[in-house]
Amino acid sequence: MKSRMCCTVPTVSRTSGRPIAIGETTTGKTIVVVYERHREAGHTIVRPVTAYEVEER
């Protein structure tokens, strides 16, 4: 089974200013995904830029 994001909290990266999602995978790991949003032909497209695992606080 592949991991997937759930329970995300939207915020913005301090370094890039891009939006990020912080969430937990189905395997219990906490990850951060930095992404870009684009509008093309009336649709919103979300493209991941990078993702990394973080330790819980």
N, C-alpha and C. Protein backbone atom coordinates (compact mmCIF):
# COMPACT_ATOMS: atom_id res chain seq x y z
N MET A 1 0.83 -1.18 0.00
CA MET A 1 0.00 0.00 0.00
C MET A 1 0.88 1.25 0.00
N LYS A 2 0.60 2.19 -0.87
CA LYS A 2 1.34 3.43 -0.93
C LYS A 2 0.91 4.37 0.18
N SER A 3 1.85 5.22 0.62
CA SER A 3 1.52 6.24 1.60
C SER A 3 0.78 7.37 0.91
N ARG A 4 -0.09 8.05 1.67
CA ARG A 4 -0.78 9.20 1.11
C ARG A 4 -0.98 10.21 2.22
N MET A 5 -1.11 11.46 1.83
CA MET A 5 -1.30 12.53 2.80
C MET A 5 -2.72 12.50 3.34
N CYS A 6 -2.83 12.80 4.61
CA CYS A 6 -4.14 13.00 5.20
C CYS A 6 -4.01 14.05 6.29
N CYS A 7 -5.09 14.69 6.62
CA CYS A 7 -5.09 15.66 7.72
C CYS A 7 -4.07 16.77 7.51
N THR A 8 -4.02 17.37 6.34
CA THR A 8 -3.02 18.39 6.04
C THR A 8 -3.37 19.72 6.68
N VAL A 9 -2.35 20.49 6.99
CA VAL A 9 -2.49 21.83 7.52
C VAL A 9 -1.78 22.77 6.55
N PRO A 10 -2.51 23.61 5.79
CA PRO A 10 -1.85 24.48 4.81
C PRO A 10 -1.11 25.63 5.48
N THR A 11 0.06 25.95 4.97
CA THR A 11 0.86 27.08 5.44
C THR A 11 1.83 27.47 4.33
N VAL A 12 2.79 28.34 4.62
CA VAL A 12 3.72 28.84 3.60
C VAL A 12 5.16 28.61 4.06
N SER A 13 6.02 28.22 3.13
CA SER A 13 7.43 28.02 3.42
C SER A 13 8.09 29.34 3.76
N ARG A 14 8.89 29.36 4.83
CA ARG A 14 9.61 30.59 5.21
C ARG A 14 10.69 30.95 4.20
N THR A 15 11.29 29.95 3.56
CA THR A 15 12.41 30.22 2.66
C THR A 15 11.98 30.52 1.22
N SER A 16 11.01 29.79 0.70
CA SER A 16 10.63 29.97 -0.70
C SER A 16 9.35 30.79 -0.88
N GLY A 17 8.53 30.87 0.17
CA GLY A 17 7.25 31.55 0.05
C GLY A 17 6.19 30.71 -0.64
N ARG A 18 6.54 29.49 -1.02
CA ARG A 18 5.58 28.60 -1.66
C ARG A 18 4.68 27.96 -0.61
N PRO A 19 3.48 27.55 -1.02
CA PRO A 19 2.60 26.87 -0.07
C PRO A 19 3.17 25.49 0.28
N ILE A 20 2.91 25.07 1.51
CA ILE A 20 3.31 23.73 1.95
C ILE A 20 2.14 23.05 2.63
N ALA A 21 2.18 21.74 2.60
CA ALA A 21 1.19 20.94 3.33
C ALA A 21 1.96 20.05 4.29
N ILE A 22 1.52 20.03 5.52
CA ILE A 22 2.13 19.18 6.54
C ILE A 22 1.08 18.15 6.91
N GLY A 23 1.46 16.89 6.88
CA GLY A 23 0.47 15.87 7.19
C GLY A 23 1.12 14.55 7.56
N GLU A 24 0.28 13.60 7.83
CA GLU A 24 0.75 12.28 8.22
C GLU A 24 0.37 11.28 7.13
N THR A 25 1.30 10.39 6.82
CA THR A 25 1.03 9.36 5.84
C THR A 25 0.26 8.22 6.52
N THR A 26 -0.24 7.31 5.73
CA THR A 26 -0.97 6.17 6.29
C THR A 26 -0.05 5.25 7.08
N THR A 27 1.27 5.41 6.91
CA THR A 27 2.23 4.61 7.68
C THR A 27 2.66 5.31 8.96
N GLY A 28 2.08 6.50 9.23
CA GLY A 28 2.36 7.21 10.47
C GLY A 28 3.51 8.19 10.42
N LYS A 29 4.13 8.39 9.26
CA LYS A 29 5.24 9.34 9.15
C LYS A 29 4.67 10.74 8.92
N THR A 30 5.31 11.74 9.51
CA THR A 30 4.93 13.13 9.28
C THR A 30 5.81 13.68 8.16
N ILE A 31 5.18 14.23 7.11
CA ILE A 31 5.94 14.77 5.98
C ILE A 31 5.47 16.19 5.66
N VAL A 32 6.37 16.92 5.01
CA VAL A 32 6.09 18.25 4.50
C VAL A 32 6.21 18.19 2.99
N VAL A 33 5.24 18.75 2.28
CA VAL A 33 5.28 18.81 0.82
C VAL A 33 5.20 20.27 0.41
N VAL A 34 6.22 20.74 -0.31
CA VAL A 34 6.22 22.09 -0.87
C VAL A 34 5.67 21.97 -2.28
N TYR A 35 4.73 22.85 -2.64
CA TYR A 35 4.10 22.71 -3.95
C TYR A 35 3.83 24.07 -4.59
N GLU A 36 3.52 24.04 -5.88
CA GLU A 36 3.13 25.23 -6.64
C GLU A 36 1.72 25.02 -7.15
N ARG A 37 0.98 26.10 -7.24
CA ARG A 37 -0.37 26.07 -7.82
C ARG A 37 -0.38 26.87 -9.10
N HIS A 38 -0.93 26.30 -10.15
CA HIS A 38 -1.02 26.96 -11.45
C HIS A 38 -2.45 26.89 -11.94
N ARG A 39 -2.87 27.91 -12.66
CA ARG A 39 -4.18 27.88 -13.31
C ARG A 39 -3.96 27.78 -14.81
N GLU A 40 -4.51 26.73 -15.38
CA GLU A 40 -4.38 26.50 -16.82
C GLU A 40 -5.74 26.10 -17.37
N ALA A 41 -6.20 26.83 -18.35
CA ALA A 41 -7.46 26.52 -19.04
C ALA A 41 -8.62 26.35 -18.05
N GLY A 42 -8.66 27.20 -17.03
CA GLY A 42 -9.75 27.16 -16.08
C GLY A 42 -9.63 26.10 -15.00
N HIS A 43 -8.50 25.40 -14.97
CA HIS A 43 -8.28 24.35 -13.97
C HIS A 43 -7.13 24.74 -13.06
N THR A 44 -7.19 24.31 -11.82
CA THR A 44 -6.07 24.51 -10.90
C THR A 44 -5.23 23.25 -10.90
N ILE A 45 -3.94 23.42 -11.15
CA ILE A 45 -3.00 22.30 -11.18
C ILE A 45 -2.03 22.46 -10.02
N VAL A 46 -1.86 21.42 -9.23
CA VAL A 46 -0.93 21.42 -8.11
C VAL A 46 0.27 20.56 -8.48
N ARG A 47 1.46 21.17 -8.41
CA ARG A 47 2.69 20.45 -8.75
C ARG A 47 3.61 20.42 -7.54
N PRO A 48 3.96 19.23 -7.04
CA PRO A 48 4.89 19.16 -5.92
C PRO A 48 6.28 19.62 -6.35
N VAL A 49 6.95 20.36 -5.48
CA VAL A 49 8.32 20.83 -5.73
C VAL A 49 9.30 19.93 -4.99
N THR A 50 9.02 19.66 -3.73
CA THR A 50 9.85 18.78 -2.92
C THR A 50 9.03 18.26 -1.75
N ALA A 51 9.50 17.22 -1.13
CA ALA A 51 8.85 16.66 0.05
C ALA A 51 9.91 16.04 0.94
N TYR A 52 9.67 16.11 2.23
CA TYR A 52 10.63 15.50 3.15
C TYR A 52 9.92 15.08 4.44
N GLU A 53 10.52 14.09 5.10
CA GLU A 53 10.00 13.59 6.36
C GLU A 53 10.52 14.47 7.49
N VAL A 54 9.67 14.73 8.48
CA VAL A 54 10.07 15.51 9.65
C VAL A 54 9.76 14.70 10.90
N GLU A 55 10.49 14.98 11.96
CA GLU A 55 10.23 14.32 13.23
C GLU A 55 9.10 15.06 13.93
N GLU A 56 8.29 14.31 14.64
CA GLU A 56 7.20 14.92 15.39
C GLU A 56 7.75 15.78 16.51
N ARG A 57 7.02 16.83 16.84
CA ARG A 57 7.46 17.74 17.91
C ARG A 57 6.88 17.34 19.21
